[in-house]
Amino acid sequence: MPRGNGTGPLGRGPMTGRGMGYCVLKLPEGGGTPHGYAGTAGWPVGTRAPAAEEIGAIRGMIDSLARQLEDLQARIRGLKRTGG
């Protein structure tokens, strides 16, 4: 993640970028499903982010959405001022 702060690209949270970081799950090359992946679309069985990490990611997404909402509201106010 940029700056290692857990916010992901543009503050949108984890798993929102190109998947180029060091924390991306690297699957073995070759055909078939490797052991331990039990048909789970490539995600290992039994792995899940800790609740605190997920809460942090969700809070980051909420903050990002709040900033986007404020930007859009500011744009509307600007358009109203200029008669747009």
PDB file of N, CA and C in Angstrom:
ATOM      1  N   MET A   1       0.842  -1.180   0.000  1.00  0.00           N
ATOM      2  CA  MET A   1       0.000   0.000   0.000  1.00  0.00           C
ATOM      3  C   MET A   1       0.886   1.242   0.000  1.00  0.00           C
ATOM      4  N   PRO A   2       0.422   2.275  -0.653  1.00  0.00           N
ATOM      5  CA  PRO A   2       1.194   3.505  -0.644  1.00  0.00           C
ATOM      6  C   PRO A   2       1.412   3.985   0.785  1.00  0.00           C
ATOM      7  N   ARG A   3       2.617   4.328   1.088  1.00  0.00           N
ATOM      8  CA  ARG A   3       3.010   4.816   2.415  1.00  0.00           C
ATOM      9  C   ARG A   3       2.730   3.810   3.527  1.00  0.00           C
ATOM     10  N   GLY A   4       2.308   2.608   3.214  1.00  0.00           N
ATOM     11  CA  GLY A   4       2.099   1.560   4.204  1.00  0.00           C
ATOM     12  C   GLY A   4       1.057   1.881   5.265  1.00  0.00           C
ATOM     13  N   ASN A   5       0.111   2.757   4.956  1.00  0.00           N
ATOM     14  CA  ASN A   5      -0.863   3.173   5.964  1.00  0.00           C
ATOM     15  C   ASN A   5      -2.189   2.422   5.874  1.00  0.00           C
ATOM     16  N   GLY A   6      -2.302   1.456   4.985  1.00  0.00           N
ATOM     17  CA  GLY A   6      -3.508   0.640   4.908  1.00  0.00           C
ATOM     18  C   GLY A   6      -4.677   1.269   4.177  1.00  0.00           C
ATOM     19  N   THR A   7      -4.470   2.449   3.583  1.00  0.00           N
ATOM     20  CA  THR A   7      -5.596   3.103   2.923  1.00  0.00           C
ATOM     21  C   THR A   7      -5.715   2.744   1.455  1.00  0.00           C
ATOM     22  N   GLY A   8      -4.698   2.166   0.878  1.00  0.00           N
ATOM     23  CA  GLY A   8      -4.754   1.807  -0.533  1.00  0.00           C
ATOM     24  C   GLY A   8      -4.662   3.021  -1.433  1.00  0.00           C
ATOM     25  N   PRO A   9      -4.786   2.813  -2.745  1.00  0.00           N
ATOM     26  CA  PRO A   9      -4.694   3.928  -3.676  1.00  0.00           C
ATOM     27  C   PRO A   9      -5.818   4.937  -3.462  1.00  0.00           C
ATOM     28  N   LEU A  10      -5.482   6.180  -3.436  1.00  0.00           N
ATOM     29  CA  LEU A  10      -6.449   7.272  -3.295  1.00  0.00           C
ATOM     30  C   LEU A  10      -7.314   7.138  -2.048  1.00  0.00           C
ATOM     31  N   GLY A  11      -6.818   6.436  -1.023  1.00  0.00           N
ATOM     32  CA  GLY A  11      -7.556   6.301   0.222  1.00  0.00           C
ATOM     33  C   GLY A  11      -8.783   5.420   0.138  1.00  0.00           C
ATOM     34  N   ARG A  12      -8.835   4.557  -0.846  1.00  0.00           N
ATOM     35  CA  ARG A  12     -10.042   3.745  -1.064  1.00  0.00           C
ATOM     36  C   ARG A  12      -9.985   2.377  -0.405  1.00  0.00           C
ATOM     37  N   GLY A  13      -8.987   2.098   0.379  1.00  0.00           N
ATOM     38  CA  GLY A  13      -8.920   0.834   1.101  1.00  0.00           C
ATOM     39  C   GLY A  13      -8.155  -0.244   0.354  1.00  0.00           C
ATOM     40  N   PRO A  14      -7.947  -1.381   1.001  1.00  0.00           N
ATOM     41  CA  PRO A  14      -7.166  -2.446   0.400  1.00  0.00           C
ATOM     42  C   PRO A  14      -7.886  -3.106  -0.770  1.00  0.00           C
ATOM     43  N   MET A  15      -7.113  -3.741  -1.620  1.00  0.00           N
ATOM     44  CA  MET A  15      -7.604  -4.497  -2.771  1.00  0.00           C
ATOM     45  C   MET A  15      -8.347  -3.625  -3.781  1.00  0.00           C
ATOM     46  N   THR A  16      -7.971  -2.341  -3.855  1.00  0.00           N
ATOM     47  CA  THR A  16      -8.606  -1.457  -4.827  1.00  0.00           C
ATOM     48  C   THR A  16      -7.641  -1.036  -5.924  1.00  0.00           C
ATOM     49  N   GLY A  17      -6.412  -1.473  -5.835  1.00  0.00           N
ATOM     50  CA  GLY A  17      -5.414  -1.081  -6.829  1.00  0.00           C
ATOM     51  C   GLY A  17      -5.214  -2.147  -7.888  1.00  0.00           C
ATOM     52  N   ARG A  18      -3.981  -2.182  -8.426  1.00  0.00           N
ATOM     53  CA  ARG A  18      -3.668  -3.112  -9.506  1.00  0.00           C
ATOM     54  C   ARG A  18      -3.194  -4.466  -9.001  1.00  0.00           C
ATOM     55  N   GLY A  19      -3.107  -4.664  -7.703  1.00  0.00           N
ATOM     56  CA  GLY A  19      -2.639  -5.937  -7.164  1.00  0.00           C
ATOM     57  C   GLY A  19      -1.152  -6.132  -7.332  1.00  0.00           C
ATOM     58  N   MET A  20      -0.378  -5.056  -7.313  1.00  0.00           N
ATOM     59  CA  MET A  20       1.051  -5.133  -7.546  1.00  0.00           C
ATOM     60  C   MET A  20       1.865  -5.134  -6.250  1.00  0.00           C
ATOM     61  N   GLY A  21       1.222  -4.972  -5.116  1.00  0.00           N
ATOM     62  CA  GLY A  21       1.938  -4.863  -3.844  1.00  0.00           C
ATOM     63  C   GLY A  21       2.458  -6.200  -3.343  1.00  0.00           C
ATOM     64  N   TYR A  22       3.260  -6.124  -2.286  1.00  0.00           N
ATOM     65  CA  TYR A  22       3.858  -7.326  -1.727  1.00  0.00           C
ATOM     66  C   TYR A  22       2.854  -8.188  -0.961  1.00  0.00           C
ATOM     67  N   CYS A  23       1.690  -7.643  -0.614  1.00  0.00           N
ATOM     68  CA  CYS A  23       0.728  -8.412   0.176  1.00  0.00           C
ATOM     69  C   CYS A  23      -0.269  -9.170  -0.700  1.00  0.00           C
ATOM     70  N   VAL A  24      -0.117  -9.092  -1.991  1.00  0.00           N
ATOM     71  CA  VAL A  24      -1.028  -9.799  -2.896  1.00  0.00           C
ATOM     72  C   VAL A  24      -0.731 -11.294  -2.829  1.00  0.00           C
ATOM     73  N   LEU A  25      -1.779 -12.086  -2.782  1.00  0.00           N
ATOM     74  CA  LEU A  25      -1.637 -13.534  -2.725  1.00  0.00           C
ATOM     75  C   LEU A  25      -1.063 -14.035  -4.040  1.00  0.00           C
ATOM     76  N   LYS A  26       0.070 -14.694  -3.991  1.00  0.00           N
ATOM     77  CA  LYS A  26       0.702 -15.242  -5.183  1.00  0.00           C
ATOM     78  C   LYS A  26       0.351 -16.728  -5.288  1.00  0.00           C
ATOM     79  N   LEU A  27      -0.364 -17.092  -6.322  1.00  0.00           N
ATOM     80  CA  LEU A  27      -0.733 -18.485  -6.537  1.00  0.00           C
ATOM     81  C   LEU A  27       0.335 -19.170  -7.368  1.00  0.00           C
ATOM     82  N   PRO A  28       0.549 -20.452  -7.131  1.00  0.00           N
ATOM     83  CA  PRO A  28       1.532 -21.164  -7.936  1.00  0.00           C
ATOM     84  C   PRO A  28       1.090 -21.229  -9.392  1.00  0.00           C
ATOM     85  N   GLU A  29       2.074 -21.187 -10.286  1.00  0.00           N
ATOM     86  CA  GLU A  29       1.752 -21.265 -11.708  1.00  0.00           C
ATOM     87  C   GLU A  29       1.441 -22.702 -12.084  1.00  0.00           C
ATOM     88  N   GLY A  30       0.708 -22.870 -13.153  1.00  0.00           N
ATOM     89  CA  GLY A  30       0.381 -24.206 -13.621  1.00  0.00           C
ATOM     90  C   GLY A  30      -1.111 -24.448 -13.567  1.00  0.00           C
ATOM     91  N   GLY A  31      -1.523 -25.560 -14.101  1.00  0.00           N
ATOM     92  CA  GLY A  31      -2.943 -25.859 -14.153  1.00  0.00           C
ATOM     93  C   GLY A  31      -3.478 -26.420 -12.852  1.00  0.00           C
ATOM     94  N   GLY A  32      -4.770 -26.464 -12.766  1.00  0.00           N
ATOM     95  CA  GLY A  32      -5.414 -27.055 -11.600  1.00  0.00           C
ATOM     96  C   GLY A  32      -5.440 -26.129 -10.400  1.00  0.00           C
ATOM     97  N   THR A  33      -6.048 -26.615  -9.361  1.00  0.00           N
ATOM     98  CA  THR A  33      -6.153 -25.847  -8.131  1.00  0.00           C
ATOM     99  C   THR A  33      -5.156 -26.406  -7.128  1.00  0.00           C
ATOM    100  N   PRO A  34      -4.305 -25.580  -6.559  1.00  0.00           N
ATOM    101  CA  PRO A  34      -3.328 -26.088  -5.598  1.00  0.00           C
ATOM    102  C   PRO A  34      -4.014 -26.589  -4.327  1.00  0.00           C
ATOM    103  N   HIS A  35      -3.329 -27.431  -3.580  1.00  0.00           N
ATOM    104  CA  HIS A  35      -3.881 -27.965  -2.332  1.00  0.00           C
ATOM    105  C   HIS A  35      -4.210 -26.832  -1.380  1.00  0.00           C
ATOM    106  N   GLY A  36      -5.335 -26.973  -0.672  1.00  0.00           N
ATOM    107  CA  GLY A  36      -5.731 -25.971   0.304  1.00  0.00           C
ATOM    108  C   GLY A  36      -6.612 -24.879  -0.265  1.00  0.00           C
ATOM    109  N   TYR A  37      -6.931 -24.975  -1.552  1.00  0.00           N
ATOM    110  CA  TYR A  37      -7.727 -23.920  -2.161  1.00  0.00           C
ATOM    111  C   TYR A  37      -9.158 -24.367  -2.448  1.00  0.00           C
ATOM    112  N   ALA A  38      -9.498 -25.592  -2.273  1.00  0.00           N
ATOM    113  CA  ALA A  38     -10.839 -26.175  -2.240  1.00  0.00           C
ATOM    114  C   ALA A  38     -11.914 -25.464  -3.051  1.00  0.00           C
ATOM    115  N   GLY A  39     -11.594 -25.056  -4.267  1.00  0.00           N
ATOM    116  CA  GLY A  39     -12.601 -24.458  -5.137  1.00  0.00           C
ATOM    117  C   GLY A  39     -13.132 -23.132  -4.652  1.00  0.00           C
ATOM    118  N   THR A  40     -12.306 -22.365  -3.984  1.00  0.00           N
ATOM    119  CA  THR A  40     -12.765 -21.086  -3.424  1.00  0.00           C
ATOM    120  C   THR A  40     -12.325 -19.913  -4.286  1.00  0.00           C
ATOM    121  N   ALA A  41     -12.343 -20.070  -5.577  1.00  0.00           N
ATOM    122  CA  ALA A  41     -12.004 -19.008  -6.528  1.00  0.00           C
ATOM    123  C   ALA A  41     -10.625 -18.433  -6.260  1.00  0.00           C
ATOM    124  N   GLY A  42      -9.697 -19.276  -5.849  1.00  0.00           N
ATOM    125  CA  GLY A  42      -8.327 -18.823  -5.669  1.00  0.00           C
ATOM    126  C   GLY A  42      -7.977 -18.363  -4.274  1.00  0.00           C
ATOM    127  N   TRP A  43      -8.935 -18.258  -3.381  1.00  0.00           N
ATOM    128  CA  TRP A  43      -8.634 -17.820  -2.013  1.00  0.00           C
ATOM    129  C   TRP A  43      -8.410 -19.048  -1.141  1.00  0.00           C
ATOM    130  N   PRO A  44      -7.359 -19.040  -0.338  1.00  0.00           N
ATOM    131  CA  PRO A  44      -7.099 -20.192   0.527  1.00  0.00           C
ATOM    132  C   PRO A  44      -8.248 -20.428   1.503  1.00  0.00           C
ATOM    133  N   VAL A  45      -8.460 -21.673   1.832  1.00  0.00           N
ATOM    134  CA  VAL A  45      -9.523 -22.034   2.767  1.00  0.00           C
ATOM    135  C   VAL A  45      -9.155 -21.532   4.159  1.00  0.00           C
ATOM    136  N   GLY A  46     -10.111 -20.935   4.836  1.00  0.00           N
ATOM    137  CA  GLY A  46      -9.920 -20.552   6.223  1.00  0.00           C
ATOM    138  C   GLY A  46      -9.159 -19.262   6.445  1.00  0.00           C
ATOM    139  N   THR A  47      -8.815 -18.535   5.414  1.00  0.00           N
ATOM    140  CA  THR A  47      -8.114 -17.272   5.635  1.00  0.00           C
ATOM    141  C   THR A  47      -9.105 -16.134   5.550  1.00  0.00           C
ATOM    142  N   ARG A  48      -8.948 -15.210   6.441  1.00  0.00           N
ATOM    143  CA  ARG A  48      -9.805 -14.042   6.476  1.00  0.00           C
ATOM    144  C   ARG A  48      -9.060 -12.957   7.231  1.00  0.00           C
ATOM    145  N   ALA A  49      -9.280 -11.736   6.832  1.00  0.00           N
ATOM    146  CA  ALA A  49      -8.638 -10.630   7.524  1.00  0.00           C
ATOM    147  C   ALA A  49      -9.172 -10.559   8.950  1.00  0.00           C
ATOM    148  N   PRO A  50      -8.303 -10.232   9.914  1.00  0.00           N
ATOM    149  CA  PRO A  50      -8.791 -10.049  11.280  1.00  0.00           C
ATOM    150  C   PRO A  50      -9.845  -8.941  11.316  1.00  0.00           C
ATOM    151  N   ALA A  51     -10.766  -9.034  12.266  1.00  0.00           N
ATOM    152  CA  ALA A  51     -11.867  -8.072  12.351  1.00  0.00           C
ATOM    153  C   ALA A  51     -11.351  -6.646  12.437  1.00  0.00           C
ATOM    154  N   ALA A  52     -10.310  -6.408  13.225  1.00  0.00           N
ATOM    155  CA  ALA A  52      -9.783  -5.046  13.375  1.00  0.00           C
ATOM    156  C   ALA A  52      -9.281  -4.510  12.041  1.00  0.00           C
ATOM    157  N   GLU A  53      -8.652  -5.369  11.252  1.00  0.00           N
ATOM    158  CA  GLU A  53      -8.153  -4.951   9.938  1.00  0.00           C
ATOM    159  C   GLU A  53      -9.316  -4.634   8.999  1.00  0.00           C
ATOM    160  N   GLU A  54     -10.340  -5.467   9.030  1.00  0.00           N
ATOM    161  CA  GLU A  54     -11.502  -5.233   8.177  1.00  0.00           C
ATOM    162  C   GLU A  54     -12.231  -3.952   8.586  1.00  0.00           C
ATOM    163  N   ILE A  55     -12.349  -3.732   9.892  1.00  0.00           N
ATOM    164  CA  ILE A  55     -12.984  -2.505  10.384  1.00  0.00           C
ATOM    165  C   ILE A  55     -12.205  -1.289   9.906  1.00  0.00           C
ATOM    166  N   GLY A  56     -10.875  -1.365   9.978  1.00  0.00           N
ATOM    167  CA  GLY A  56     -10.044  -0.258   9.505  1.00  0.00           C
ATOM    168  C   GLY A  56     -10.239  -0.001   8.022  1.00  0.00           C
ATOM    169  N   ALA A  57     -10.323  -1.081   7.249  1.00  0.00           N
ATOM    170  CA  ALA A  57     -10.522  -0.937   5.808  1.00  0.00           C
ATOM    171  C   ALA A  57     -11.881  -0.308   5.513  1.00  0.00           C
ATOM    172  N   ILE A  58     -12.903  -0.745   6.229  1.00  0.00           N
ATOM    173  CA  ILE A  58     -14.244  -0.192   6.019  1.00  0.00           C
ATOM    174  C   ILE A  58     -14.277   1.278   6.399  1.00  0.00           C
ATOM    175  N   ARG A  59     -13.628   1.621   7.510  1.00  0.00           N
ATOM    176  CA  ARG A  59     -13.571   3.034   7.912  1.00  0.00           C
ATOM    177  C   ARG A  59     -12.860   3.873   6.857  1.00  0.00           C
ATOM    178  N   GLY A  60     -11.803   3.313   6.270  1.00  0.00           N
ATOM    179  CA  GLY A  60     -11.111   4.018   5.195  1.00  0.00           C
ATOM    180  C   GLY A  60     -12.012   4.251   3.998  1.00  0.00           C
ATOM    181  N   MET A  61     -12.816   3.250   3.658  1.00  0.00           N
ATOM    182  CA  MET A  61     -13.751   3.403   2.543  1.00  0.00           C
ATOM    183  C   MET A  61     -14.816   4.452   2.867  1.00  0.00           C
ATOM    184  N   ILE A  62     -15.293   4.458   4.114  1.00  0.00           N
ATOM    185  CA  ILE A  62     -16.286   5.454   4.527  1.00  0.00           C
ATOM    186  C   ILE A  62     -15.700   6.852   4.419  1.00  0.00           C
ATOM    187  N   ASP A  63     -14.457   7.026   4.897  1.00  0.00           N
ATOM    188  CA  ASP A  63     -13.798   8.338   4.811  1.00  0.00           C
ATOM    189  C   ASP A  63     -13.654   8.781   3.363  1.00  0.00           C
ATOM    190  N   SER A  64     -13.262   7.842   2.496  1.00  0.00           N
ATOM    191  CA  SER A  64     -13.104   8.168   1.083  1.00  0.00           C
ATOM    192  C   SER A  64     -14.433   8.581   0.463  1.00  0.00           C
ATOM    193  N   LEU A  65     -15.485   7.845   0.779  1.00  0.00           N
ATOM    194  CA  LEU A  65     -16.806   8.188   0.246  1.00  0.00           C
ATOM    195  C   LEU A  65     -17.280   9.541   0.771  1.00  0.00           C
ATOM    196  N   ALA A  66     -16.982   9.832   2.036  1.00  0.00           N
ATOM    197  CA  ALA A  66     -17.372  11.127   2.607  1.00  0.00           C
ATOM    198  C   ALA A  66     -16.657  12.264   1.882  1.00  0.00           C
ATOM    199  N   ARG A  67     -15.369  12.067   1.566  1.00  0.00           N
ATOM    200  CA  ARG A  67     -14.630  13.097   0.816  1.00  0.00           C
ATOM    201  C   ARG A  67     -15.203  13.262  -0.586  1.00  0.00           C
ATOM    202  N   GLN A  68     -15.543  12.155  -1.228  1.00  0.00           N
ATOM    203  CA  GLN A  68     -16.128  12.229  -2.565  1.00  0.00           C
ATOM    204  C   GLN A  68     -17.470  12.950  -2.533  1.00  0.00           C
ATOM    205  N   LEU A  69     -18.279  12.660  -1.517  1.00  0.00           N
ATOM    206  CA  LEU A  69     -19.572  13.321  -1.372  1.00  0.00           C
ATOM    207  C   LEU A  69     -19.385  14.820  -1.190  1.00  0.00           C
ATOM    208  N   GLU A  70     -18.457  15.215  -0.339  1.00  0.00           N
ATOM    209  CA  GLU A  70     -18.197  16.642  -0.118  1.00  0.00           C
ATOM    210  C   GLU A  70     -17.720  17.312  -1.408  1.00  0.00           C
ATOM    211  N   ASP A  71     -16.853  16.636  -2.160  1.00  0.00           N
ATOM    212  CA  ASP A  71     -16.384  17.191  -3.435  1.00  0.00           C
ATOM    213  C   ASP A  71     -17.550  17.398  -4.405  1.00  0.00           C
ATOM    214  N   LEU A  72     -18.449  16.422  -4.473  1.00  0.00           N
ATOM    215  CA  LEU A  72     -19.599  16.544  -5.370  1.00  0.00           C
ATOM    216  C   LEU A  72     -20.543  17.655  -4.923  1.00  0.00           C
ATOM    217  N   GLN A  73     -20.748  17.765  -3.609  1.00  0.00           N
ATOM    218  CA  GLN A  73     -21.602  18.835  -3.097  1.00  0.00           C
ATOM    219  C   GLN A  73     -20.986  20.205  -3.370  1.00  0.00           C
ATOM    220  N   ALA A  74     -19.667  20.302  -3.235  1.00  0.00           N
ATOM    221  CA  ALA A  74     -18.983  21.561  -3.536  1.00  0.00           C
ATOM    222  C   ALA A  74     -19.116  21.895  -5.021  1.00  0.00           C
ATOM    223  N   ARG A  75     -19.043  20.892  -5.863  1.00  0.00           N
ATOM    224  CA  ARG A  75     -19.198  21.105  -7.308  1.00  0.00           C
ATOM    225  C   ARG A  75     -20.599  21.629  -7.622  1.00  0.00           C
ATOM    226  N   ILE A  76     -21.611  21.052  -6.988  1.00  0.00           N
ATOM    227  CA  ILE A  76     -22.992  21.526  -7.190  1.00  0.00           C
ATOM    228  C   ILE A  76     -23.118  22.972  -6.737  1.00  0.00           C
ATOM    229  N   ARG A  77     -22.558  23.298  -5.561  1.00  0.00           N
ATOM    230  CA  ARG A  77     -22.625  24.680  -5.073  1.00  0.00           C
ATOM    231  C   ARG A  77     -21.956  25.633  -6.060  1.00  0.00           C
ATOM    232  N   GLY A  78     -20.816  25.220  -6.608  1.00  0.00           N
ATOM    233  CA  GLY A  78     -20.113  26.049  -7.582  1.00  0.00           C
ATOM    234  C   GLY A  78     -20.921  26.265  -8.847  1.00  0.00           C
ATOM    235  N   LEU A  79     -21.562  25.220  -9.315  1.00  0.00           N
ATOM    236  CA  LEU A  79     -22.384  25.338 -10.519  1.00  0.00           C
ATOM    237  C   LEU A  79     -23.584  26.251 -10.281  1.00  0.00           C
ATOM    238  N   LYS A  80     -24.174  26.174  -9.098  1.00  0.00           N
ATOM    239  CA  LYS A  80     -25.314  27.036  -8.783  1.00  0.00           C
ATOM    240  C   LYS A  80     -24.893  28.502  -8.736  1.00  0.00           C
ATOM    241  N   ARG A  81     -23.685  28.762  -8.200  1.00  0.00           N
ATOM    242  CA  ARG A  81     -23.190  30.139  -8.110  1.00  0.00           C
ATOM    243  C   ARG A  81     -22.950  30.747  -9.491  1.00  0.00           C
ATOM    244  N   THR A  82     -22.498  29.913 -10.422  1.00  0.00           N
ATOM    245  CA  THR A  82     -22.173  30.423 -11.756  1.00  0.00           C
ATOM    246  C   THR A  82     -23.355  30.338 -12.713  1.00  0.00           C
ATOM    247  N   GLY A  83     -24.479  29.859 -12.227  1.00  0.00           N
ATOM    248  CA  GLY A  83     -25.667  29.772 -13.076  1.00  0.00           C
ATOM    249  C   GLY A  83     -25.687  28.547 -13.951  1.00  0.00           C
ATOM    250  N   GLY A  84     -24.867  27.540 -13.631  1.00  0.00           N
ATOM    251  CA  GLY A  84     -24.792  26.331 -14.440  1.00  0.00           C
ATOM    252  C   GLY A  84     -25.872  25.418 -14.125  1.00  0.00           C
TER     253      GLY A  84
END
